mmCIF file of all heavy atoms, coordinates in Angstrom:
data_MODEL
# 
_entry.id   MODEL 
# 
loop_
_atom_site.group_PDB 
_atom_site.id 
_atom_site.type_symbol 
_atom_site.label_atom_id 
_atom_site.label_alt_id 
_atom_site.label_comp_id 
_atom_site.label_asym_id 
_atom_site.label_entity_id 
_atom_site.label_seq_id 
_atom_site.pdbx_PDB_ins_code 
_atom_site.Cartn_x 
_atom_site.Cartn_y 
_atom_site.Cartn_z 
_atom_site.occupancy 
_atom_site.B_iso_or_equiv 
_atom_site.pdbx_formal_charge 
_atom_site.auth_seq_id 
_atom_site.auth_comp_id 
_atom_site.auth_asym_id 
_atom_site.auth_atom_id 
_atom_site.pdbx_PDB_model_num 
ATOM 1   N N   . ASN A 1 1  ? 5.866  -11.267 5.628   1.00 0.00 ? 1  ASN A N   1 
ATOM 2   C CA  . ASN A 1 1  ? 5.139  -11.462 4.366   1.00 0.00 ? 1  ASN A CA  1 
ATOM 3   C C   . ASN A 1 1  ? 3.621  -11.206 4.539   1.00 0.00 ? 1  ASN A C   1 
ATOM 4   O O   . ASN A 1 1  ? 2.822  -11.754 3.745   1.00 0.00 ? 1  ASN A O   1 
ATOM 5   C CB  . ASN A 1 1  ? 5.381  -12.861 3.847   1.00 0.00 ? 1  ASN A CB  1 
ATOM 6   C CG  . ASN A 1 1  ? 6.860  -13.079 3.491   1.00 0.00 ? 1  ASN A CG  1 
ATOM 7   O OD1 . ASN A 1 1  ? 7.559  -12.181 3.046   1.00 0.00 ? 1  ASN A OD1 1 
ATOM 8   N ND2 . ASN A 1 1  ? 7.347  -14.341 3.698   1.00 0.00 ? 1  ASN A ND2 1 
ATOM 9   N N   . SER A 1 2  ? 3.257  -10.443 5.498   1.00 0.00 ? 2  SER A N   1 
ATOM 10  C CA  . SER A 1 2  ? 1.836  -10.113 5.615   1.00 0.00 ? 2  SER A CA  1 
ATOM 11  C C   . SER A 1 2  ? 1.397  -9.097  4.571   1.00 0.00 ? 2  SER A C   1 
ATOM 12  O O   . SER A 1 2  ? 0.264  -9.114  4.100   1.00 0.00 ? 2  SER A O   1 
ATOM 13  C CB  . SER A 1 2  ? 1.512  -9.571  7.017   1.00 0.00 ? 2  SER A CB  1 
ATOM 14  O OG  . SER A 1 2  ? 2.317  -8.445  7.285   1.00 0.00 ? 2  SER A OG  1 
ATOM 15  N N   . VAL A 1 3  ? 2.349  -8.203  4.137   1.00 0.00 ? 3  VAL A N   1 
ATOM 16  C CA  . VAL A 1 3  ? 2.100  -7.257  3.048   1.00 0.00 ? 3  VAL A CA  1 
ATOM 17  C C   . VAL A 1 3  ? 3.110  -7.604  1.983   1.00 0.00 ? 3  VAL A C   1 
ATOM 18  O O   . VAL A 1 3  ? 4.319  -7.295  2.115   1.00 0.00 ? 3  VAL A O   1 
ATOM 19  C CB  . VAL A 1 3  ? 2.244  -5.821  3.527   1.00 0.00 ? 3  VAL A CB  1 
ATOM 20  C CG1 . VAL A 1 3  ? 1.985  -4.837  2.334   1.00 0.00 ? 3  VAL A CG1 1 
ATOM 21  C CG2 . VAL A 1 3  ? 1.286  -5.503  4.635   1.00 0.00 ? 3  VAL A CG2 1 
ATOM 22  N N   . ARG A 1 4  ? 2.701  -8.190  0.894   1.00 0.00 ? 4  ARG A N   1 
ATOM 23  C CA  . ARG A 1 4  ? 3.629  -8.672  -0.118  1.00 0.00 ? 4  ARG A CA  1 
ATOM 24  C C   . ARG A 1 4  ? 4.091  -7.558  -1.051  1.00 0.00 ? 4  ARG A C   1 
ATOM 25  O O   . ARG A 1 4  ? 5.232  -7.619  -1.595  1.00 0.00 ? 4  ARG A O   1 
ATOM 26  C CB  . ARG A 1 4  ? 2.957  -9.790  -0.926  1.00 0.00 ? 4  ARG A CB  1 
ATOM 27  C CG  . ARG A 1 4  ? 2.557  -11.013 -0.118  1.00 0.00 ? 4  ARG A CG  1 
ATOM 28  C CD  . ARG A 1 4  ? 2.000  -12.089 -0.959  1.00 0.00 ? 4  ARG A CD  1 
ATOM 29  N NE  . ARG A 1 4  ? 1.656  -13.271 -0.204  1.00 0.00 ? 4  ARG A NE  1 
ATOM 30  C CZ  . ARG A 1 4  ? 2.514  -14.260 0.136   1.00 0.00 ? 4  ARG A CZ  1 
ATOM 31  N NH1 . ARG A 1 4  ? 3.745  -14.195 -0.325  1.00 0.00 ? 4  ARG A NH1 1 
ATOM 32  N NH2 . ARG A 1 4  ? 2.120  -15.265 0.870   1.00 0.00 ? 4  ARG A NH2 1 
ATOM 33  N N   . LYS A 1 5  ? 3.302  -6.545  -1.242  1.00 0.00 ? 5  LYS A N   1 
ATOM 34  C CA  . LYS A 1 5  ? 3.696  -5.489  -2.177  1.00 0.00 ? 5  LYS A CA  1 
ATOM 35  C C   . LYS A 1 5  ? 3.552  -4.139  -1.471  1.00 0.00 ? 5  LYS A C   1 
ATOM 36  O O   . LYS A 1 5  ? 2.529  -3.823  -0.869  1.00 0.00 ? 5  LYS A O   1 
ATOM 37  C CB  . LYS A 1 5  ? 2.776  -5.520  -3.410  1.00 0.00 ? 5  LYS A CB  1 
ATOM 38  C CG  . LYS A 1 5  ? 3.141  -4.420  -4.423  1.00 0.00 ? 5  LYS A CG  1 
ATOM 39  C CD  . LYS A 1 5  ? 2.198  -4.481  -5.621  1.00 0.00 ? 5  LYS A CD  1 
ATOM 40  C CE  . LYS A 1 5  ? 2.477  -3.378  -6.608  1.00 0.00 ? 5  LYS A CE  1 
ATOM 41  N NZ  . LYS A 1 5  ? 1.567  -3.361  -7.770  1.00 0.00 ? 5  LYS A NZ  1 
ATOM 42  N N   . ILE A 1 6  ? 4.641  -3.364  -1.475  1.00 0.00 ? 6  ILE A N   1 
ATOM 43  C CA  . ILE A 1 6  ? 4.632  -2.061  -0.914  1.00 0.00 ? 6  ILE A CA  1 
ATOM 44  C C   . ILE A 1 6  ? 4.908  -1.018  -2.025  1.00 0.00 ? 6  ILE A C   1 
ATOM 45  O O   . ILE A 1 6  ? 5.973  -1.045  -2.658  1.00 0.00 ? 6  ILE A O   1 
ATOM 46  C CB  . ILE A 1 6  ? 5.714  -1.923  0.225   1.00 0.00 ? 6  ILE A CB  1 
ATOM 47  C CG1 . ILE A 1 6  ? 5.452  -2.919  1.321   1.00 0.00 ? 6  ILE A CG1 1 
ATOM 48  C CG2 . ILE A 1 6  ? 5.731  -0.501  0.803   1.00 0.00 ? 6  ILE A CG2 1 
ATOM 49  C CD1 . ILE A 1 6  ? 6.484  -2.930  2.398   1.00 0.00 ? 6  ILE A CD1 1 
ATOM 50  N N   . ASN A 1 7  ? 3.934  -0.151  -2.221  1.00 0.00 ? 7  ASN A N   1 
ATOM 51  C CA  . ASN A 1 7  ? 4.095  0.886   -3.253  1.00 0.00 ? 7  ASN A CA  1 
ATOM 52  C C   . ASN A 1 7  ? 4.855  2.095   -2.672  1.00 0.00 ? 7  ASN A C   1 
ATOM 53  O O   . ASN A 1 7  ? 4.390  2.657   -1.674  1.00 0.00 ? 7  ASN A O   1 
ATOM 54  C CB  . ASN A 1 7  ? 2.737  1.314   -3.770  1.00 0.00 ? 7  ASN A CB  1 
ATOM 55  C CG  . ASN A 1 7  ? 1.987  0.156   -4.402  1.00 0.00 ? 7  ASN A CG  1 
ATOM 56  O OD1 . ASN A 1 7  ? 2.482  -0.579  -5.222  1.00 0.00 ? 7  ASN A OD1 1 
ATOM 57  N ND2 . ASN A 1 7  ? 0.685  0.064   -4.041  1.00 0.00 ? 7  ASN A ND2 1 
ATOM 58  N N   . ARG A 1 8  ? 5.936  2.449   -3.373  1.00 0.00 ? 8  ARG A N   1 
ATOM 59  C CA  . ARG A 1 8  ? 6.720  3.626   -2.919  1.00 0.00 ? 8  ARG A CA  1 
ATOM 60  C C   . ARG A 1 8  ? 6.507  4.817   -3.829  1.00 0.00 ? 8  ARG A C   1 
ATOM 61  O O   . ARG A 1 8  ? 7.303  5.741   -3.847  1.00 0.00 ? 8  ARG A O   1 
ATOM 62  C CB  . ARG A 1 8  ? 8.196  3.239   -2.859  1.00 0.00 ? 8  ARG A CB  1 
ATOM 63  C CG  . ARG A 1 8  ? 8.437  2.052   -1.894  1.00 0.00 ? 8  ARG A CG  1 
ATOM 64  C CD  . ARG A 1 8  ? 9.881  1.719   -1.782  1.00 0.00 ? 8  ARG A CD  1 
ATOM 65  N NE  . ARG A 1 8  ? 10.051 0.561   -0.917  1.00 0.00 ? 8  ARG A NE  1 
ATOM 66  C CZ  . ARG A 1 8  ? 10.101 0.601   0.406   1.00 0.00 ? 8  ARG A CZ  1 
ATOM 67  N NH1 . ARG A 1 8  ? 10.025 1.739   1.036   1.00 0.00 ? 8  ARG A NH1 1 
ATOM 68  N NH2 . ARG A 1 8  ? 10.276 -0.543  1.094   1.00 0.00 ? 8  ARG A NH2 1 
ATOM 69  N N   . SER A 1 9  ? 5.385  4.816   -4.538  1.00 0.00 ? 9  SER A N   1 
ATOM 70  C CA  . SER A 1 9  ? 5.081  5.887   -5.425  1.00 0.00 ? 9  SER A CA  1 
ATOM 71  C C   . SER A 1 9  ? 4.444  7.058   -4.640  1.00 0.00 ? 9  SER A C   1 
ATOM 72  O O   . SER A 1 9  ? 3.861  6.846   -3.530  1.00 0.00 ? 9  SER A O   1 
ATOM 73  C CB  . SER A 1 9  ? 4.141  5.437   -6.527  1.00 0.00 ? 9  SER A CB  1 
ATOM 74  O OG  . SER A 1 9  ? 3.736  6.519   -7.308  1.00 0.00 ? 9  SER A OG  1 
ATOM 75  N N   . ALA A 1 10 ? 4.531  8.242   -5.178  1.00 0.00 ? 10 ALA A N   1 
ATOM 76  C CA  . ALA A 1 10 ? 3.929  9.415   -4.577  1.00 0.00 ? 10 ALA A CA  1 
ATOM 77  C C   . ALA A 1 10 ? 2.482  9.637   -5.019  1.00 0.00 ? 10 ALA A C   1 
ATOM 78  O O   . ALA A 1 10 ? 1.850  10.609  -4.557  1.00 0.00 ? 10 ALA A O   1 
ATOM 79  C CB  . ALA A 1 10 ? 4.749  10.687  -4.880  1.00 0.00 ? 10 ALA A CB  1 
ATOM 80  N N   . GLN A 1 11 ? 1.963  8.777   -5.843  1.00 0.00 ? 11 GLN A N   1 
ATOM 81  C CA  . GLN A 1 11 ? 0.602  8.957   -6.287  1.00 0.00 ? 11 GLN A CA  1 
ATOM 82  C C   . GLN A 1 11 ? -0.365 8.541   -5.183  1.00 0.00 ? 11 GLN A C   1 
ATOM 83  O O   . GLN A 1 11 ? -0.078 7.655   -4.372  1.00 0.00 ? 11 GLN A O   1 
ATOM 84  C CB  . GLN A 1 11 ? 0.334  8.089   -7.535  1.00 0.00 ? 11 GLN A CB  1 
ATOM 85  C CG  . GLN A 1 11 ? 1.132  8.523   -8.750  1.00 0.00 ? 11 GLN A CG  1 
ATOM 86  C CD  . GLN A 1 11 ? 0.852  7.686   -9.960  1.00 0.00 ? 11 GLN A CD  1 
ATOM 87  O OE1 . GLN A 1 11 ? -0.020 6.816   -9.935  1.00 0.00 ? 11 GLN A OE1 1 
ATOM 88  N NE2 . GLN A 1 11 ? 1.524  7.996   -11.091 1.00 0.00 ? 11 GLN A NE2 1 
ATOM 89  N N   . ASN A 1 12 ? -1.505 9.246   -5.154  1.00 0.00 ? 12 ASN A N   1 
ATOM 90  C CA  . ASN A 1 12 ? -2.442 9.030   -4.073  1.00 0.00 ? 12 ASN A CA  1 
ATOM 91  C C   . ASN A 1 12 ? -3.025 7.634   -4.055  1.00 0.00 ? 12 ASN A C   1 
ATOM 92  O O   . ASN A 1 12 ? -3.163 7.033   -2.983  1.00 0.00 ? 12 ASN A O   1 
ATOM 93  C CB  . ASN A 1 12 ? -3.586 10.046  -4.196  1.00 0.00 ? 12 ASN A CB  1 
ATOM 94  C CG  . ASN A 1 12 ? -3.148 11.485  -3.944  1.00 0.00 ? 12 ASN A CG  1 
ATOM 95  O OD1 . ASN A 1 12 ? -2.083 11.689  -3.357  1.00 0.00 ? 12 ASN A OD1 1 
ATOM 96  N ND2 . ASN A 1 12 ? -3.877 12.440  -4.448  1.00 0.00 ? 12 ASN A ND2 1 
ATOM 97  N N   . TRP A 1 13 ? -3.398 7.063   -5.181  1.00 0.00 ? 13 TRP A N   1 
ATOM 98  C CA  . TRP A 1 13 ? -4.018 5.740   -5.181  1.00 0.00 ? 13 TRP A CA  1 
ATOM 99  C C   . TRP A 1 13 ? -3.064 4.676   -4.759  1.00 0.00 ? 13 TRP A C   1 
ATOM 100 O O   . TRP A 1 13 ? -3.430 3.663   -4.186  1.00 0.00 ? 13 TRP A O   1 
ATOM 101 C CB  . TRP A 1 13 ? -4.627 5.447   -6.521  1.00 0.00 ? 13 TRP A CB  1 
ATOM 102 C CG  . TRP A 1 13 ? -3.644 5.309   -7.667  1.00 0.00 ? 13 TRP A CG  1 
ATOM 103 C CD1 . TRP A 1 13 ? -3.138 6.315   -8.443  1.00 0.00 ? 13 TRP A CD1 1 
ATOM 104 C CD2 . TRP A 1 13 ? -3.126 4.133   -8.159  1.00 0.00 ? 13 TRP A CD2 1 
ATOM 105 N NE1 . TRP A 1 13 ? -2.276 5.799   -9.355  1.00 0.00 ? 13 TRP A NE1 1 
ATOM 106 C CE2 . TRP A 1 13 ? -2.261 4.448   -9.215  1.00 0.00 ? 13 TRP A CE2 1 
ATOM 107 C CE3 . TRP A 1 13 ? -3.238 2.776   -7.843  1.00 0.00 ? 13 TRP A CE3 1 
ATOM 108 C CZ2 . TRP A 1 13 ? -1.517 3.507   -9.994  1.00 0.00 ? 13 TRP A CZ2 1 
ATOM 109 C CZ3 . TRP A 1 13 ? -2.541 1.831   -8.558  1.00 0.00 ? 13 TRP A CZ3 1 
ATOM 110 C CH2 . TRP A 1 13 ? -1.689 2.197   -9.612  1.00 0.00 ? 13 TRP A CH2 1 
ATOM 111 N N   . HIS A 1 14 ? -1.713 4.878   -5.012  1.00 0.00 ? 14 HIS A N   1 
ATOM 112 C CA  . HIS A 1 14 ? -0.707 3.962   -4.484  1.00 0.00 ? 14 HIS A CA  1 
ATOM 113 C C   . HIS A 1 14 ? -0.614 4.027   -2.993  1.00 0.00 ? 14 HIS A C   1 
ATOM 114 O O   . HIS A 1 14 ? -0.484 2.993   -2.270  1.00 0.00 ? 14 HIS A O   1 
ATOM 115 C CB  . HIS A 1 14 ? 0.640  4.263   -5.132  1.00 0.00 ? 14 HIS A CB  1 
ATOM 116 C CG  . HIS A 1 14 ? 0.790  3.742   -6.529  1.00 0.00 ? 14 HIS A CG  1 
ATOM 117 N ND1 . HIS A 1 14 ? 1.666  4.279   -7.452  1.00 0.00 ? 14 HIS A ND1 1 
ATOM 118 C CD2 . HIS A 1 14 ? 0.144  2.753   -7.218  1.00 0.00 ? 14 HIS A CD2 1 
ATOM 119 C CE1 . HIS A 1 14 ? 1.570  3.615   -8.613  1.00 0.00 ? 14 HIS A CE1 1 
ATOM 120 N NE2 . HIS A 1 14 ? 0.651  2.671   -8.458  1.00 0.00 ? 14 HIS A NE2 1 
ATOM 121 N N   . GLN A 1 15 ? -0.664 5.216   -2.453  1.00 0.00 ? 15 GLN A N   1 
ATOM 122 C CA  . GLN A 1 15 ? -0.597 5.370   -0.988  1.00 0.00 ? 15 GLN A CA  1 
ATOM 123 C C   . GLN A 1 15 ? -1.862 4.798   -0.331  1.00 0.00 ? 15 GLN A C   1 
ATOM 124 O O   . GLN A 1 15 ? -1.756 4.153   0.727   1.00 0.00 ? 15 GLN A O   1 
ATOM 125 C CB  . GLN A 1 15 ? -0.422 6.838   -0.667  1.00 0.00 ? 15 GLN A CB  1 
ATOM 126 C CG  . GLN A 1 15 ? 0.874  7.449   -1.147  1.00 0.00 ? 15 GLN A CG  1 
ATOM 127 C CD  . GLN A 1 15 ? 1.028  8.901   -0.844  1.00 0.00 ? 15 GLN A CD  1 
ATOM 128 O OE1 . GLN A 1 15 ? 0.129  9.515   -0.200  1.00 0.00 ? 15 GLN A OE1 1 
ATOM 129 N NE2 . GLN A 1 15 ? 2.121  9.508   -1.278  1.00 0.00 ? 15 GLN A NE2 1 
ATOM 130 N N   . LEU A 1 16 ? -3.019 5.040   -0.939  1.00 0.00 ? 16 LEU A N   1 
ATOM 131 C CA  . LEU A 1 16 ? -4.255 4.445   -0.408  1.00 0.00 ? 16 LEU A CA  1 
ATOM 132 C C   . LEU A 1 16 ? -4.229 2.930   -0.478  1.00 0.00 ? 16 LEU A C   1 
ATOM 133 O O   . LEU A 1 16 ? -4.748 2.241   0.413   1.00 0.00 ? 16 LEU A O   1 
ATOM 134 C CB  . LEU A 1 16 ? -5.475 4.977   -1.157  1.00 0.00 ? 16 LEU A CB  1 
ATOM 135 C CG  . LEU A 1 16 ? -5.777 6.458   -0.903  1.00 0.00 ? 16 LEU A CG  1 
ATOM 136 C CD1 . LEU A 1 16 ? -6.900 6.924   -1.847  1.00 0.00 ? 16 LEU A CD1 1 
ATOM 137 C CD2 . LEU A 1 16 ? -6.230 6.663   0.563   1.00 0.00 ? 16 LEU A CD2 1 
ATOM 138 N N   . GLU A 1 17 ? -3.600 2.389   -1.493  1.00 0.00 ? 17 GLU A N   1 
ATOM 139 C CA  . GLU A 1 17 ? -3.450 0.923   -1.590  1.00 0.00 ? 17 GLU A CA  1 
ATOM 140 C C   . GLU A 1 17 ? -2.604 0.386   -0.496  1.00 0.00 ? 17 GLU A C   1 
ATOM 141 O O   . GLU A 1 17 ? -2.877 -0.698  0.104   1.00 0.00 ? 17 GLU A O   1 
ATOM 142 C CB  . GLU A 1 17 ? -2.907 0.554   -2.934  1.00 0.00 ? 17 GLU A CB  1 
ATOM 143 C CG  . GLU A 1 17 ? -2.835 -0.980  -3.180  1.00 0.00 ? 17 GLU A CG  1 
ATOM 144 C CD  . GLU A 1 17 ? -2.314 -1.323  -4.527  1.00 0.00 ? 17 GLU A CD  1 
ATOM 145 O OE1 . GLU A 1 17 ? -1.952 -0.388  -5.318  1.00 0.00 ? 17 GLU A OE1 1 
ATOM 146 O OE2 . GLU A 1 17 ? -2.206 -2.511  -4.868  1.00 0.00 ? 17 GLU A OE2 1 
ATOM 147 N N   . ASN A 1 18 ? -1.519 1.078   -0.146  1.00 0.00 ? 18 ASN A N   1 
ATOM 148 C CA  . ASN A 1 18 ? -0.695 0.682   0.965   1.00 0.00 ? 18 ASN A CA  1 
ATOM 149 C C   . ASN A 1 18 ? -1.467 0.679   2.302   1.00 0.00 ? 18 ASN A C   1 
ATOM 150 O O   . ASN A 1 18 ? -1.314 -0.249  3.127   1.00 0.00 ? 18 ASN A O   1 
ATOM 151 C CB  . ASN A 1 18 ? 0.553  1.581   1.069   1.00 0.00 ? 18 ASN A CB  1 
ATOM 152 C CG  . ASN A 1 18 ? 1.518  1.421   -0.030  1.00 0.00 ? 18 ASN A CG  1 
ATOM 153 O OD1 . ASN A 1 18 ? 1.561  0.350   -0.678  1.00 0.00 ? 18 ASN A OD1 1 
ATOM 154 N ND2 . ASN A 1 18 ? 2.324  2.423   -0.348  1.00 0.00 ? 18 ASN A ND2 1 
ATOM 155 N N   . LEU A 1 19 ? -2.230 1.694   2.507   1.00 0.00 ? 19 LEU A N   1 
ATOM 156 C CA  . LEU A 1 19 ? -2.996 1.745   3.729   1.00 0.00 ? 19 LEU A CA  1 
ATOM 157 C C   . LEU A 1 19 ? -4.035 0.649   3.766   1.00 0.00 ? 19 LEU A C   1 
ATOM 158 O O   . LEU A 1 19 ? -4.265 0.043   4.842   1.00 0.00 ? 19 LEU A O   1 
ATOM 159 C CB  . LEU A 1 19 ? -3.722 3.114   3.862   1.00 0.00 ? 19 LEU A CB  1 
ATOM 160 C CG  . LEU A 1 19 ? -2.775 4.340   4.052   1.00 0.00 ? 19 LEU A CG  1 
ATOM 161 C CD1 . LEU A 1 19 ? -3.581 5.634   4.085   1.00 0.00 ? 19 LEU A CD1 1 
ATOM 162 C CD2 . LEU A 1 19 ? -1.969 4.186   5.322   1.00 0.00 ? 19 LEU A CD2 1 
ATOM 163 N N   . SER A 1 20 ? -4.682 0.313   2.652   1.00 0.00 ? 20 SER A N   1 
ATOM 164 C CA  . SER A 1 20 ? -5.674 -0.762  2.626   1.00 0.00 ? 20 SER A CA  1 
ATOM 165 C C   . SER A 1 20 ? -4.999 -2.058  2.893   1.00 0.00 ? 20 SER A C   1 
ATOM 166 O O   . SER A 1 20 ? -5.559 -2.915  3.626   1.00 0.00 ? 20 SER A O   1 
ATOM 167 C CB  . SER A 1 20 ? -6.350 -0.756  1.262   1.00 0.00 ? 20 SER A CB  1 
ATOM 168 O OG  . SER A 1 20 ? -7.076 0.446   1.009   1.00 0.00 ? 20 SER A OG  1 
ATOM 169 N N   . ASN A 1 21 ? -3.817 -2.296  2.355   1.00 0.00 ? 21 ASN A N   1 
ATOM 170 C CA  . ASN A 1 21 ? -3.072 -3.592  2.623   1.00 0.00 ? 21 ASN A CA  1 
ATOM 171 C C   . ASN A 1 21 ? -2.676 -3.664  4.084   1.00 0.00 ? 21 ASN A C   1 
ATOM 172 O O   . ASN A 1 21 ? -2.685 -4.751  4.685   1.00 0.00 ? 21 ASN A O   1 
ATOM 173 C CB  . ASN A 1 21 ? -1.865 -3.653  1.736   1.00 0.00 ? 21 ASN A CB  1 
ATOM 174 C CG  . ASN A 1 21 ? -2.212 -3.805  0.223   1.00 0.00 ? 21 ASN A CG  1 
ATOM 175 O OD1 . ASN A 1 21 ? -3.317 -4.348  -0.086  1.00 0.00 ? 21 ASN A OD1 1 
ATOM 176 N ND2 . ASN A 1 21 ? -1.375 -3.336  -0.625  1.00 0.00 ? 21 ASN A ND2 1 
ATOM 177 N N   . PHE A 1 22 ? -2.321 -2.511  4.655   1.00 0.00 ? 22 PHE A N   1 
ATOM 178 C CA  . PHE A 1 22 ? -1.959 -2.514  6.078   1.00 0.00 ? 22 PHE A CA  1 
ATOM 179 C C   . PHE A 1 22 ? -3.153 -2.870  6.964   1.00 0.00 ? 22 PHE A C   1 
ATOM 180 O O   . PHE A 1 22 ? -3.038 -3.639  7.903   1.00 0.00 ? 22 PHE A O   1 
ATOM 181 C CB  . PHE A 1 22 ? -1.374 -1.165  6.473   1.00 0.00 ? 22 PHE A CB  1 
ATOM 182 C CG  . PHE A 1 22 ? -1.186 -0.944  7.939   1.00 0.00 ? 22 PHE A CG  1 
ATOM 183 C CD1 . PHE A 1 22 ? -0.137 -1.592  8.595   1.00 0.00 ? 22 PHE A CD1 1 
ATOM 184 C CD2 . PHE A 1 22 ? -2.015 -0.116  8.683   1.00 0.00 ? 22 PHE A CD2 1 
ATOM 185 C CE1 . PHE A 1 22 ? 0.061  -1.438  9.958   1.00 0.00 ? 22 PHE A CE1 1 
ATOM 186 C CE2 . PHE A 1 22 ? -1.865 0.056   10.009  1.00 0.00 ? 22 PHE A CE2 1 
ATOM 187 C CZ  . PHE A 1 22 ? -0.818 -0.627  10.690  1.00 0.00 ? 22 PHE A CZ  1 
ATOM 188 N N   . ILE A 1 23 ? -4.318 -2.342  6.631   1.00 0.00 ? 23 ILE A N   1 
ATOM 189 C CA  . ILE A 1 23 ? -5.529 -2.640  7.430   1.00 0.00 ? 23 ILE A CA  1 
ATOM 190 C C   . ILE A 1 23 ? -5.901 -4.121  7.285   1.00 0.00 ? 23 ILE A C   1 
ATOM 191 O O   . ILE A 1 23 ? -6.291 -4.776  8.310   1.00 0.00 ? 23 ILE A O   1 
ATOM 192 C CB  . ILE A 1 23 ? -6.666 -1.719  6.955   1.00 0.00 ? 23 ILE A CB  1 
ATOM 193 C CG1 . ILE A 1 23 ? -6.326 -0.262  7.271   1.00 0.00 ? 23 ILE A CG1 1 
ATOM 194 C CG2 . ILE A 1 23 ? -7.988 -2.117  7.632   1.00 0.00 ? 23 ILE A CG2 1 
ATOM 195 C CD1 . ILE A 1 23 ? -7.329 0.768   6.677   1.00 0.00 ? 23 ILE A CD1 1 
ATOM 196 N N   . LYS A 1 24 ? -5.786 -4.681  6.077   1.00 0.00 ? 24 LYS A N   1 
ATOM 197 C CA  . LYS A 1 24 ? -6.065 -6.108  5.914   1.00 0.00 ? 24 LYS A CA  1 
ATOM 198 C C   . LYS A 1 24 ? -5.074 -6.953  6.665   1.00 0.00 ? 24 LYS A C   1 
ATOM 199 O O   . LYS A 1 24 ? -5.445 -8.010  7.224   1.00 0.00 ? 24 LYS A O   1 
ATOM 200 C CB  . LYS A 1 24 ? -6.018 -6.468  4.437   1.00 0.00 ? 24 LYS A CB  1 
ATOM 201 C CG  . LYS A 1 24 ? -7.131 -5.837  3.581   1.00 0.00 ? 24 LYS A CG  1 
ATOM 202 C CD  . LYS A 1 24 ? -7.002 -6.186  2.110   1.00 0.00 ? 24 LYS A CD  1 
ATOM 203 C CE  . LYS A 1 24 ? -8.088 -5.508  1.313   1.00 0.00 ? 24 LYS A CE  1 
ATOM 204 N NZ  . LYS A 1 24 ? -7.967 -5.852  -0.184  1.00 0.00 ? 24 LYS A NZ  1 
# 
């Protein structure tokens, strides 16, 4: 539960949000 939301969309801002959540 370190990353509560994982975006599986192909849009760029969704992918960047996943990377930002991973870094946090």
